[in-house]
Amino acid sequence: MEDLFAGLISSKTRIKLLTRFFFNPETRSYLRELAKEFNVSTNAVREELNQLTSSQLLKSQRNGRQVFYMANAEHPLFPELKSMVSKVLGLDQVIDGIVHRLGDLEEAYLIGDYAEGKDTGIIDLLLVGNINDRHLTDLSKKTERYIRRKIRTLVLTREEYKDLLPKLKDRPKVLIWEAKE
C-alpha cells in the first residue's frame, strides 16, 4: 500500500487514518486511542486529524472531554476514497467474501504489515467472534486467488481477544470492521 499511495500521500499516519475511517465509515475514534493504536505521538495524529477535518474529509463530534472523529460520508470524495482504500488494500473483496458469510463476527482487525501501510502481499487479519473455521479457510482461499494476496487469519473469541490485548498493544493494529450494535 505504501508504494501505491506514496505518490499521493506522503504521511504514513494519514494513510493509517484514511484506512481506518474510510474502510469502515461507521468507525468513530478519538485522538489518544488512535495515537496508541498507531504507536505514534498524539501531536502527529492531531496534526493529521486537523488537516483531514479542515478539508472536511473527517467530521468531529465532542462527547464530554473527548472529541470523536469519523469519516464525512457527505463529502463529495467520500465514495471514491472509500473505494480507493478498499481496492488498494484488496480488502474490499476479503471483507465482502469473509465477513458476511462466517457467522457471528464481532470485529475484524488488520494487523502486521498492512496495518503499518506496507503492501507486502500478505494480509494478516485478526477476527473476533464465533466463526466457522472450515468455512473461513474455504472463503480465504477463494478470495486469495481473486486478489492475488495471501490471507492469514487469527480467530479469537471475545475472551481470548481480551487476554491477548496486552500483547497486541505494541503491534500495529487497525480496526477495519465491527458489528453494528
Protein backbone atom coordinates (compact mmCIF):
# COMPACT_ATOMS: atom_id res chain seq x y z
CA MET A 1 0.00 0.00 0.00
CA GLU A 2 2.84 2.35 0.80
CA ASP A 3 4.11 2.19 -2.79
CA LEU A 4 0.65 2.72 -4.25
CA PHE A 5 -0.18 5.72 -2.07
CA ALA A 6 3.35 7.16 -1.83
CA GLY A 7 2.93 9.48 -4.81
CA LEU A 8 -0.35 10.78 -3.46
CA ILE A 9 0.10 10.73 0.30
CA SER A 10 3.46 11.14 1.98
CA SER A 11 2.31 10.74 5.61
CA LYS A 12 2.12 7.19 6.96
CA THR A 13 -0.12 8.44 9.75
CA ARG A 14 -2.53 9.97 7.21
CA ILE A 15 -2.61 6.69 5.29
CA LYS A 16 -3.49 4.85 8.51
CA LEU A 17 -6.21 7.38 9.32
CA LEU A 18 -7.72 7.16 5.84
CA THR A 19 -7.62 3.37 6.04
CA ARG A 20 -9.18 3.41 9.49
CA PHE A 21 -12.01 5.81 8.68
CA PHE A 22 -12.77 5.13 5.03
CA PHE A 23 -12.60 1.35 5.05
CA ASN A 24 -15.22 1.16 7.78
CA PRO A 25 -17.01 4.55 7.77
CA GLU A 26 -19.04 3.73 10.89
CA THR A 27 -15.82 3.79 12.92
CA ARG A 28 -15.50 6.57 15.49
CA SER A 29 -12.22 7.15 17.28
CA TYR A 30 -10.58 9.74 19.48
CA LEU A 31 -7.06 11.19 19.45
CA ARG A 32 -5.37 9.19 22.22
CA GLU A 33 -6.93 5.93 21.06
CA LEU A 34 -5.53 6.49 17.55
CA ALA A 35 -2.09 7.55 18.79
CA LYS A 36 -1.87 4.46 20.97
CA GLU A 37 -3.12 2.16 18.22
CA PHE A 38 -0.74 3.60 15.59
CA ASN A 39 2.11 3.85 18.09
CA VAL A 40 2.83 7.49 17.20
CA SER A 41 2.71 10.71 19.18
CA THR A 42 -0.60 12.44 19.85
CA ASN A 43 0.84 15.55 18.15
CA ALA A 44 1.46 13.64 14.91
CA VAL A 45 -2.08 12.25 14.94
CA ARG A 46 -3.58 15.62 15.95
CA GLU A 47 -1.87 17.37 13.03
CA GLU A 48 -3.25 14.86 10.53
CA LEU A 49 -6.72 14.88 12.12
CA ASN A 50 -6.78 18.69 11.95
CA GLN A 51 -5.84 18.67 8.26
CA LEU A 52 -8.39 15.98 7.40
CA THR A 53 -11.07 17.79 9.43
CA SER A 54 -10.31 21.20 7.91
CA SER A 55 -10.61 19.65 4.43
CA GLN A 56 -13.93 18.18 5.67
CA LEU A 57 -12.90 14.60 4.86
CA LEU A 58 -13.44 13.84 8.55
CA LYS A 59 -16.06 15.14 10.96
CA SER A 60 -15.55 15.63 14.67
CA GLN A 61 -18.04 15.37 17.49
CA ARG A 62 -17.44 16.29 21.12
CA ASN A 63 -18.64 13.88 23.78
CA GLY A 64 -17.74 15.27 27.19
CA ARG A 65 -13.99 15.86 27.18
CA GLN A 66 -13.31 13.60 24.21
CA VAL A 67 -13.54 14.56 20.56
CA PHE A 68 -14.51 11.67 18.30
CA TYR A 69 -13.58 11.63 14.63
CA MET A 70 -15.35 9.82 11.82
CA ALA A 71 -15.43 9.82 8.02
CA ASN A 72 -17.61 12.50 6.49
CA ALA A 73 -19.95 10.43 4.33
CA GLU A 74 -21.39 13.66 2.88
CA HIS A 75 -18.07 14.80 1.39
CA PRO A 76 -18.12 14.66 -2.44
CA LEU A 77 -14.98 12.50 -2.47
CA PHE A 78 -16.24 10.03 0.14
CA PRO A 79 -17.30 7.24 -2.27
CA GLU A 80 -14.06 7.48 -4.21
CA LEU A 81 -11.83 7.49 -1.12
CA LYS A 82 -13.69 4.56 0.40
CA SER A 83 -13.38 2.62 -2.83
CA MET A 84 -9.72 3.56 -3.30
CA VAL A 85 -8.73 2.48 0.21
CA SER A 86 -10.52 -0.83 -0.19
CA LYS A 87 -9.08 -1.51 -3.62
CA VAL A 88 -5.55 -0.56 -2.69
CA LEU A 89 -5.69 -2.93 0.25
CA GLY A 90 -7.56 -5.63 -1.64
CA LEU A 91 -9.63 -5.84 1.50
CA ASP A 92 -12.93 -4.96 -0.12
CA GLN A 93 -13.02 -8.48 -1.51
CA VAL A 94 -11.73 -10.01 1.71
CA ILE A 95 -14.40 -8.38 3.85
CA ASP A 96 -17.19 -8.97 1.35
CA GLY A 97 -16.12 -12.57 0.93
CA ILE A 98 -15.44 -13.40 4.54
CA VAL A 99 -17.30 -11.17 6.98
CA HIS A 100 -20.80 -11.57 5.64
CA ARG A 101 -20.66 -15.38 5.48
CA LEU A 102 -18.87 -16.50 8.60
CA GLY A 103 -21.40 -16.37 11.35
CA ASP A 104 -21.07 -14.29 14.48
CA LEU A 105 -18.15 -11.95 13.71
CA GLU A 106 -17.82 -9.08 16.19
CA GLU A 107 -14.69 -7.27 14.98
CA ALA A 108 -12.05 -7.57 12.28
CA TYR A 109 -8.59 -6.05 12.63
CA LEU A 110 -5.87 -5.59 10.09
CA ILE A 111 -2.57 -6.44 11.79
CA GLY A 112 1.02 -6.74 10.65
CA ASP A 113 2.47 -5.05 7.58
CA TYR A 114 -0.80 -3.83 6.09
CA ALA A 115 -1.66 -2.12 9.37
CA GLU A 116 1.64 -0.27 9.02
CA GLY A 117 0.76 0.79 5.50
CA LYS A 118 3.00 -1.75 3.71
CA ASP A 119 1.64 -3.80 0.82
CA THR A 120 3.69 -6.98 1.26
CA GLY A 121 1.20 -9.31 -0.37
CA ILE A 122 0.28 -10.98 2.93
CA ILE A 123 -2.86 -9.74 4.65
CA ASP A 124 -2.99 -10.59 8.35
CA LEU A 125 -6.46 -10.48 9.85
CA LEU A 126 -7.48 -10.83 13.47
CA LEU A 127 -11.11 -11.90 13.68
CA VAL A 128 -13.02 -11.76 16.95
CA GLY A 129 -16.18 -13.82 17.35
CA ASN A 130 -17.66 -17.26 16.90
CA ILE A 131 -16.52 -18.26 13.40
CA ASN A 132 -16.73 -21.45 11.35
CA ASP A 133 -13.02 -22.26 10.72
CA ARG A 134 -13.67 -24.61 7.80
CA HIS A 135 -15.81 -22.05 6.03
CA LEU A 136 -13.19 -19.34 6.74
CA THR A 137 -10.43 -21.42 5.14
CA ASP A 138 -12.52 -22.05 2.03
CA LEU A 139 -13.51 -18.38 1.67
CA SER A 140 -9.94 -17.20 2.29
CA LYS A 141 -8.55 -19.44 -0.46
CA LYS A 142 -11.14 -18.24 -2.96
CA THR A 143 -10.52 -14.61 -2.05
CA GLU A 144 -6.72 -15.06 -2.25
CA ARG A 145 -6.99 -16.20 -5.86
CA TYR A 146 -9.11 -13.19 -6.72
CA ILE A 147 -6.99 -10.50 -5.02
CA ARG A 148 -3.60 -12.21 -5.60
CA ARG A 149 -2.57 -11.82 -1.98
CA LYS A 150 -2.14 -14.33 0.83
CA ILE A 151 -4.58 -14.08 3.74
CA ARG A 152 -3.56 -15.23 7.20
CA THR A 153 -6.20 -15.23 9.89
CA LEU A 154 -6.17 -15.45 13.65
CA VAL A 155 -9.60 -16.23 15.08
CA LEU A 156 -10.26 -15.47 18.74
CA THR A 157 -13.28 -15.48 20.99
CA ARG A 158 -14.04 -12.23 22.85
CA GLU A 159 -12.39 -13.66 25.99
CA GLU A 160 -9.26 -14.79 24.12
CA TYR A 161 -9.01 -11.38 22.50
CA LYS A 162 -9.21 -9.63 25.88
CA ASP A 163 -6.43 -11.91 27.20
CA LEU A 164 -4.22 -11.25 24.16
CA LEU A 165 -4.83 -7.49 24.07
CA PRO A 166 -1.86 -6.56 26.31
CA LYS A 167 0.49 -8.44 23.96
CA LEU A 168 -1.01 -6.73 20.90
CA LYS A 169 -0.60 -3.21 22.25
CA ASP A 170 2.87 -2.77 20.72
CA ARG A 171 1.90 -4.28 17.37
CA PRO A 172 0.27 -2.32 14.57
CA LYS A 173 -3.48 -2.95 14.52
CA VAL A 174 -6.26 -1.19 12.61
CA LEU A 175 -9.94 -1.87 13.17
CA ILE A 176 -11.42 -2.46 9.72
CA TRP A 177 -14.86 -3.78 10.59
CA GLU A 178 -17.11 -4.09 13.61
CA ALA A 179 -20.63 -5.38 14.07
CA LYS A 180 -23.19 -2.64 14.39
CA GLU A 181 -25.00 -2.69 17.71
